Amino acid sequence: MNEFKKIDNKIHEITVVGKYAHEAMFFARIVIGCLFLYHSLSKFGANTPWFMTLVGLVELVSAVFILVGTRIRTAGFVLGVIMIGAIFTKMFIWKMSFAGKGGWELDLVALALLFVLVTVSSTKYKFAGKHK
């Protein structure tokens, strides 16, 4: 029981003090950037409607901005709007369930992570420009 208390105290120390806040935000940026980079590539092809190609292009550019560490808030906001549209489409037009194949649970998690990136944006770790 004492070991659990020590672990809990250590977690509390890390999260309250914010000792690893920049690293956590960097990790969040890498995860969400890779997610959108991967999913954007599936929207390009010969039989893809022009609108989905446009969405794929916006996702691709936004993902690169997030991964590089520039225009994070703008890119996150744009991707958030896309995710709201995706969730709305899956819920009300396609009548998909929350979880399972084609569900919108991953979309909701991505939206939540984008909200964090937009509101807490940390650019300590980035590839170009001045650090804030």
N, C-alpha and C. Protein backbone atom coordinates (compact mmCIF):
# COMPACT_ATOMS: atom_id res chain seq x y z
N MET A 1 0.82 -1.19 0.00
CA MET A 1 0.00 0.00 0.00
C MET A 1 0.87 1.25 0.00
N ASN A 2 1.97 1.20 0.71
CA ASN A 2 2.88 2.33 0.79
C ASN A 2 3.49 2.65 -0.58
N GLU A 3 3.75 1.62 -1.40
CA GLU A 3 4.31 1.81 -2.73
C GLU A 3 3.32 2.56 -3.62
N PHE A 4 2.02 2.24 -3.50
CA PHE A 4 1.00 2.94 -4.27
C PHE A 4 0.96 4.41 -3.90
N LYS A 5 1.12 4.70 -2.64
CA LYS A 5 1.12 6.08 -2.15
C LYS A 5 2.31 6.84 -2.74
N LYS A 6 3.49 6.19 -2.80
CA LYS A 6 4.67 6.82 -3.38
C LYS A 6 4.46 7.12 -4.86
N ILE A 7 3.90 6.15 -5.58
CA ILE A 7 3.63 6.34 -7.00
C ILE A 7 2.62 7.47 -7.19
N ASP A 8 1.57 7.47 -6.39
CA ASP A 8 0.55 8.51 -6.49
C ASP A 8 1.16 9.88 -6.21
N ASN A 9 2.02 9.97 -5.21
CA ASN A 9 2.67 11.24 -4.89
C ASN A 9 3.56 11.71 -6.04
N LYS A 10 4.28 10.78 -6.66
CA LYS A 10 5.15 11.13 -7.78
C LYS A 10 4.33 11.63 -8.96
N ILE A 11 3.25 10.95 -9.28
CA ILE A 11 2.37 11.39 -10.37
C ILE A 11 1.80 12.76 -10.06
N HIS A 12 1.39 12.96 -8.83
CA HIS A 12 0.85 14.26 -8.41
C HIS A 12 1.90 15.35 -8.57
N GLU A 13 3.12 15.07 -8.18
CA GLU A 13 4.21 16.04 -8.29
C GLU A 13 4.46 16.43 -9.74
N ILE A 14 4.47 15.43 -10.62
CA ILE A 14 4.72 15.68 -12.04
C ILE A 14 3.60 16.49 -12.66
N THR A 15 2.36 16.13 -12.38
CA THR A 15 1.23 16.78 -13.03
C THR A 15 0.93 18.15 -12.46
N VAL A 16 1.08 18.33 -11.16
CA VAL A 16 0.79 19.62 -10.56
C VAL A 16 1.85 20.65 -10.92
N VAL A 17 3.08 20.27 -10.80
CA VAL A 17 4.17 21.19 -11.08
C VAL A 17 4.29 21.45 -12.58
N GLY A 18 3.86 20.50 -13.39
CA GLY A 18 3.95 20.66 -14.83
C GLY A 18 5.36 20.45 -15.36
N LYS A 19 6.11 19.64 -14.64
CA LYS A 19 7.50 19.40 -14.97
C LYS A 19 7.68 18.88 -16.40
N TYR A 20 6.75 18.07 -16.86
CA TYR A 20 6.86 17.48 -18.19
C TYR A 20 5.76 17.96 -19.13
N ALA A 21 5.26 19.16 -18.91
CA ALA A 21 4.16 19.69 -19.72
C ALA A 21 4.57 19.84 -21.19
N HIS A 22 5.76 20.35 -21.45
CA HIS A 22 6.19 20.52 -22.84
C HIS A 22 6.38 19.18 -23.54
N GLU A 23 6.90 18.22 -22.81
CA GLU A 23 7.08 16.89 -23.39
C GLU A 23 5.73 16.24 -23.68
N ALA A 24 4.77 16.43 -22.78
CA ALA A 24 3.43 15.88 -22.99
C ALA A 24 2.77 16.50 -24.21
N MET A 25 2.92 17.81 -24.36
CA MET A 25 2.33 18.48 -25.52
C MET A 25 3.04 18.07 -26.81
N PHE A 26 4.34 17.86 -26.74
CA PHE A 26 5.07 17.38 -27.91
C PHE A 26 4.57 16.00 -28.32
N PHE A 27 4.40 15.13 -27.33
CA PHE A 27 3.88 13.79 -27.60
C PHE A 27 2.48 13.87 -28.21
N ALA A 28 1.64 14.74 -27.67
CA ALA A 28 0.28 14.91 -28.20
C ALA A 28 0.33 15.39 -29.65
N ARG A 29 1.25 16.32 -29.93
CA ARG A 29 1.39 16.82 -31.30
C ARG A 29 1.81 15.72 -32.26
N ILE A 30 2.75 14.89 -31.83
CA ILE A 30 3.23 13.81 -32.69
C ILE A 30 2.10 12.81 -32.96
N VAL A 31 1.38 12.46 -31.92
CA VAL A 31 0.29 11.49 -32.07
C VAL A 31 -0.79 12.02 -33.01
N ILE A 32 -1.28 13.22 -32.76
CA ILE A 32 -2.38 13.75 -33.58
C ILE A 32 -1.90 14.06 -34.99
N GLY A 33 -0.65 14.54 -35.12
CA GLY A 33 -0.11 14.81 -36.45
C GLY A 33 0.01 13.55 -37.28
N CYS A 34 0.53 12.49 -36.69
CA CYS A 34 0.66 11.21 -37.41
C CYS A 34 -0.71 10.63 -37.75
N LEU A 35 -1.65 10.76 -36.84
CA LEU A 35 -3.01 10.26 -37.08
C LEU A 35 -3.62 10.92 -38.31
N PHE A 36 -3.54 12.25 -38.36
CA PHE A 36 -4.13 12.96 -39.50
C PHE A 36 -3.31 12.78 -40.76
N LEU A 37 -2.01 12.68 -40.64
CA LEU A 37 -1.17 12.42 -41.81
C LEU A 37 -1.55 11.08 -42.45
N TYR A 38 -1.68 10.06 -41.63
CA TYR A 38 -2.04 8.73 -42.12
C TYR A 38 -3.43 8.74 -42.78
N HIS A 39 -4.40 9.31 -42.08
CA HIS A 39 -5.77 9.28 -42.60
C HIS A 39 -5.97 10.22 -43.79
N SER A 40 -5.15 11.26 -43.91
CA SER A 40 -5.29 12.14 -45.06
C SER A 40 -4.90 11.43 -46.35
N LEU A 41 -3.92 10.55 -46.26
CA LEU A 41 -3.42 9.88 -47.46
C LEU A 41 -4.46 8.96 -48.09
N SER A 42 -5.42 8.48 -47.29
CA SER A 42 -6.46 7.61 -47.84
C SER A 42 -7.51 8.40 -48.63
N LYS A 43 -7.42 9.71 -48.60
CA LYS A 43 -8.41 10.54 -49.29
C LYS A 43 -7.94 11.00 -50.67
N PHE A 44 -6.85 10.46 -51.13
CA PHE A 44 -6.34 10.78 -52.46
C PHE A 44 -6.44 9.53 -53.33
N GLY A 45 -6.97 9.69 -54.51
CA GLY A 45 -7.08 8.55 -55.43
C GLY A 45 -7.92 8.92 -56.63
N ALA A 46 -7.91 8.04 -57.62
CA ALA A 46 -8.61 8.31 -58.88
C ALA A 46 -10.13 8.37 -58.70
N ASN A 47 -10.67 7.55 -57.82
CA ASN A 47 -12.13 7.50 -57.66
C ASN A 47 -12.64 8.27 -56.45
N THR A 48 -11.80 9.12 -55.88
CA THR A 48 -12.18 9.88 -54.70
C THR A 48 -12.89 11.17 -55.13
N PRO A 49 -14.05 11.46 -54.52
CA PRO A 49 -14.74 12.72 -54.86
C PRO A 49 -13.86 13.93 -54.54
N TRP A 50 -14.04 14.99 -55.30
CA TRP A 50 -13.20 16.18 -55.15
C TRP A 50 -13.25 16.74 -53.74
N PHE A 51 -14.41 16.68 -53.09
CA PHE A 51 -14.53 17.23 -51.74
C PHE A 51 -13.66 16.46 -50.76
N MET A 52 -13.62 15.15 -50.88
CA MET A 52 -12.79 14.35 -49.98
C MET A 52 -11.30 14.58 -50.26
N THR A 53 -10.95 14.81 -51.52
CA THR A 53 -9.57 15.14 -51.85
C THR A 53 -9.18 16.47 -51.21
N LEU A 54 -10.11 17.44 -51.24
CA LEU A 54 -9.85 18.73 -50.61
C LEU A 54 -9.68 18.58 -49.10
N VAL A 55 -10.56 17.78 -48.48
CA VAL A 55 -10.44 17.51 -47.04
C VAL A 55 -9.11 16.84 -46.75
N GLY A 56 -8.72 15.88 -47.57
CA GLY A 56 -7.45 15.20 -47.41
C GLY A 56 -6.27 16.14 -47.51
N LEU A 57 -6.34 17.09 -48.44
CA LEU A 57 -5.27 18.07 -48.59
C LEU A 57 -5.18 18.97 -47.36
N VAL A 58 -6.33 19.43 -46.85
CA VAL A 58 -6.35 20.27 -45.65
C VAL A 58 -5.80 19.48 -44.46
N GLU A 59 -6.21 18.22 -44.34
CA GLU A 59 -5.69 17.38 -43.25
C GLU A 59 -4.19 17.18 -43.37
N LEU A 60 -3.71 16.95 -44.56
CA LEU A 60 -2.28 16.74 -44.78
C LEU A 60 -1.46 17.97 -44.40
N VAL A 61 -1.86 19.13 -44.89
CA VAL A 61 -1.14 20.37 -44.59
C VAL A 61 -1.21 20.67 -43.09
N SER A 62 -2.38 20.52 -42.50
CA SER A 62 -2.53 20.78 -41.07
C SER A 62 -1.68 19.83 -40.24
N ALA A 63 -1.65 18.57 -40.62
CA ALA A 63 -0.84 17.58 -39.90
C ALA A 63 0.63 17.94 -39.97
N VAL A 64 1.10 18.37 -41.11
CA VAL A 64 2.51 18.77 -41.24
C VAL A 64 2.79 19.98 -40.36
N PHE A 65 1.89 20.97 -40.35
CA PHE A 65 2.08 22.13 -39.47
C PHE A 65 2.19 21.70 -38.01
N ILE A 66 1.32 20.80 -37.59
CA ILE A 66 1.34 20.34 -36.20
C ILE A 66 2.63 19.57 -35.90
N LEU A 67 3.03 18.71 -36.80
CA LEU A 67 4.26 17.94 -36.58
C LEU A 67 5.50 18.83 -36.54
N VAL A 68 5.54 19.83 -37.40
CA VAL A 68 6.69 20.73 -37.45
C VAL A 68 6.67 21.68 -36.25
N GLY A 69 5.50 22.00 -35.76
CA GLY A 69 5.39 22.87 -34.59
C GLY A 69 5.11 24.32 -34.93
N THR A 70 4.51 24.56 -36.07
CA THR A 70 4.16 25.92 -36.46
C THR A 70 2.67 25.97 -36.79
N ARG A 71 2.06 27.09 -36.50
CA ARG A 71 0.62 27.27 -36.75
C ARG A 71 -0.22 26.17 -36.11
N ILE A 72 0.18 25.75 -34.93
CA ILE A 72 -0.49 24.64 -34.25
C ILE A 72 -1.95 24.97 -33.96
N ARG A 73 -2.19 26.15 -33.44
CA ARG A 73 -3.56 26.52 -33.07
C ARG A 73 -4.46 26.63 -34.30
N THR A 74 -3.97 27.24 -35.35
CA THR A 74 -4.76 27.36 -36.58
C THR A 74 -5.04 25.99 -37.17
N ALA A 75 -4.00 25.18 -37.29
CA ALA A 75 -4.15 23.84 -37.85
C ALA A 75 -5.08 22.99 -36.98
N GLY A 76 -4.93 23.09 -35.67
CA GLY A 76 -5.79 22.34 -34.76
C GLY A 76 -7.24 22.77 -34.86
N PHE A 77 -7.48 24.07 -35.00
CA PHE A 77 -8.84 24.57 -35.15
C PHE A 77 -9.48 24.05 -36.43
N VAL A 78 -8.74 24.13 -37.54
CA VAL A 78 -9.25 23.65 -38.83
C VAL A 78 -9.57 22.16 -38.75
N LEU A 79 -8.66 21.38 -38.17
CA LEU A 79 -8.91 19.94 -38.03
C LEU A 79 -10.07 19.67 -37.09
N GLY A 80 -10.23 20.51 -36.07
CA GLY A 80 -11.38 20.38 -35.16
C GLY A 80 -12.70 20.55 -35.89
N VAL A 81 -12.76 21.53 -36.78
CA VAL A 81 -13.97 21.75 -37.58
C VAL A 81 -14.24 20.53 -38.46
N ILE A 82 -13.19 19.99 -39.05
CA ILE A 82 -13.34 18.78 -39.87
C ILE A 82 -13.86 17.62 -39.02
N MET A 83 -13.33 17.48 -37.80
CA MET A 83 -13.76 16.38 -36.93
C MET A 83 -15.22 16.56 -36.49
N ILE A 84 -15.63 17.77 -36.22
CA ILE A 84 -17.04 18.01 -35.88
C ILE A 84 -17.92 17.60 -37.05
N GLY A 85 -17.50 17.93 -38.26
CA GLY A 85 -18.25 17.51 -39.45
C GLY A 85 -18.28 16.00 -39.60
N ALA A 86 -17.14 15.36 -39.32
CA ALA A 86 -17.08 13.89 -39.42
C ALA A 86 -17.99 13.23 -38.38
N ILE A 87 -17.97 13.74 -37.17
CA ILE A 87 -18.82 13.18 -36.10
C ILE A 87 -20.28 13.38 -36.45
N PHE A 88 -20.64 14.57 -36.89
CA PHE A 88 -22.02 14.86 -37.27
C PHE A 88 -22.47 13.93 -38.39
N THR A 89 -21.63 13.76 -39.41
CA THR A 89 -21.97 12.89 -40.54
C THR A 89 -22.18 11.45 -40.09
N LYS A 90 -21.25 10.95 -39.27
CA LYS A 90 -21.37 9.57 -38.81
C LYS A 90 -22.59 9.36 -37.91
N MET A 91 -22.89 10.35 -37.06
CA MET A 91 -24.00 10.19 -36.12
C MET A 91 -25.36 10.32 -36.81
N PHE A 92 -25.55 11.38 -37.58
CA PHE A 92 -26.88 11.73 -38.06
C PHE A 92 -27.17 11.37 -39.50
N ILE A 93 -26.17 11.25 -40.34
CA ILE A 93 -26.40 10.92 -41.74
C ILE A 93 -26.19 9.43 -41.97
N TRP A 94 -25.07 8.91 -41.51
CA TRP A 94 -24.77 7.50 -41.70
C TRP A 94 -25.34 6.64 -40.59
N LYS A 95 -25.80 7.25 -39.49
CA LYS A 95 -26.39 6.54 -38.34
C LYS A 95 -25.46 5.47 -37.77
N MET A 96 -24.18 5.82 -37.65
CA MET A 96 -23.19 4.89 -37.11
C MET A 96 -23.27 4.90 -35.58
N SER A 97 -22.90 3.79 -34.99
CA SER A 97 -22.87 3.71 -33.53
C SER A 97 -21.60 4.39 -33.01
N PHE A 98 -21.57 4.59 -31.71
CA PHE A 98 -20.43 5.26 -31.08
C PHE A 98 -19.14 4.46 -31.28
N ALA A 99 -19.20 3.17 -31.00
CA ALA A 99 -18.01 2.32 -31.07
C ALA A 99 -18.20 1.23 -32.12
N GLY A 100 -17.10 0.64 -32.51
CA GLY A 100 -17.15 -0.44 -33.48
C GLY A 100 -16.71 0.04 -34.84
N LYS A 101 -16.85 -0.81 -35.84
CA LYS A 101 -16.42 -0.49 -37.19
C LYS A 101 -17.19 0.73 -37.70
N GLY A 102 -16.43 1.74 -38.07
CA GLY A 102 -17.04 2.96 -38.58
C GLY A 102 -17.60 3.88 -37.51
N GLY A 103 -17.37 3.53 -36.26
CA GLY A 103 -17.87 4.35 -35.16
C GLY A 103 -17.16 5.69 -35.07
N TRP A 104 -17.68 6.55 -34.25
CA TRP A 104 -17.12 7.90 -34.16
C TRP A 104 -16.36 8.14 -32.86
N GLU A 105 -16.02 7.07 -32.14
CA GLU A 105 -15.30 7.25 -30.88
C GLU A 105 -13.89 7.80 -31.10
N LEU A 106 -13.17 7.34 -32.12
CA LEU A 106 -11.84 7.85 -32.42
C LEU A 106 -11.92 9.31 -32.85
N ASP A 107 -12.95 9.66 -33.57
CA ASP A 107 -13.14 11.05 -33.99
C ASP A 107 -13.31 11.95 -32.77
N LEU A 108 -14.05 11.48 -31.79
CA LEU A 108 -14.27 12.26 -30.57
C LEU A 108 -12.98 12.42 -29.77
N VAL A 109 -12.18 11.36 -29.70
CA VAL A 109 -10.89 11.44 -29.01
C VAL A 109 -9.97 12.41 -29.74
N ALA A 110 -9.94 12.34 -31.06
CA ALA A 110 -9.12 13.27 -31.84
C ALA A 110 -9.58 14.71 -31.61
N LEU A 111 -10.89 14.93 -31.57
CA LEU A 111 -11.43 16.27 -31.32
C LEU A 111 -10.99 16.78 -29.94
N ALA A 112 -11.03 15.92 -28.94
CA ALA A 112 -10.61 16.31 -27.59
C ALA A 112 -9.13 16.67 -27.58
N LEU A 113 -8.31 15.88 -28.24
CA LEU A 113 -6.87 16.15 -28.29
C LEU A 113 -6.59 17.44 -29.07
N LEU A 114 -7.34 17.67 -30.13
CA LEU A 114 -7.18 18.92 -30.87
C LEU A 114 -7.56 20.12 -30.01
N PHE A 115 -8.60 19.97 -29.20
CA PHE A 115 -9.00 21.04 -28.29
C PHE A 115 -7.85 21.38 -27.33
N VAL A 116 -7.19 20.35 -26.84
CA VAL A 116 -6.04 20.58 -25.95
C VAL A 116 -4.93 21.30 -26.70
N LEU A 117 -4.62 20.87 -27.91
CA LEU A 117 -3.56 21.52 -28.69
C LEU A 117 -3.88 22.98 -28.97
N VAL A 118 -5.13 23.27 -29.26
CA VAL A 118 -5.52 24.64 -29.58
C VAL A 118 -5.46 25.53 -28.34
N THR A 119 -5.86 25.00 -27.21
CA THR A 119 -5.94 25.84 -26.01
C THR A 119 -4.65 25.90 -25.21
N VAL A 120 -3.80 24.87 -25.30
CA VAL A 120 -2.61 24.81 -24.46
C VAL A 120 -1.32 24.87 -25.30
N SER A 121 -1.44 25.07 -26.56
CA SER A 121 -0.34 25.01 -27.51
C SER A 121 1.05 25.30 -26.92
N SER A 122 1.91 24.31 -26.99
CA SER A 122 3.29 24.43 -26.52
C SER A 122 4.20 24.20 -27.71
N THR A 123 5.10 25.14 -27.94
CA THR A 123 6.00 25.01 -29.09
C THR A 123 7.46 24.93 -28.66
N LYS A 124 7.70 24.43 -27.47
CA LYS A 124 9.09 24.31 -27.03
C LYS A 124 9.89 23.40 -27.96
N TYR A 125 9.28 22.32 -28.40
CA TYR A 125 9.94 21.39 -29.30
C TYR A 125 9.35 21.57 -30.69
N LYS A 126 10.09 22.25 -31.56
CA LYS A 126 9.64 22.43 -32.92
C LYS A 126 10.85 22.51 -33.83
N PHE A 127 10.61 22.43 -35.13
CA PHE A 127 11.71 22.35 -36.08
C PHE A 127 12.17 23.69 -36.62
N ALA A 128 11.32 24.71 -36.56
CA ALA A 128 11.70 25.99 -37.15
C ALA A 128 11.16 27.15 -36.33
N GLY A 129 11.82 28.28 -36.42
CA GLY A 129 11.33 29.50 -35.78
C GLY A 129 11.74 29.62 -34.32
N LYS A 130 11.32 30.72 -33.70
CA LYS A 130 11.64 30.99 -32.30
C LYS A 130 10.75 30.16 -31.39
N HIS A 131 11.27 29.79 -30.23
CA HIS A 131 10.50 29.07 -29.24
C HIS A 131 9.79 30.07 -28.34
N LYS A 132 8.55 29.73 -27.99
CA LYS A 132 7.78 30.60 -27.08
C LYS A 132 8.09 30.26 -25.66
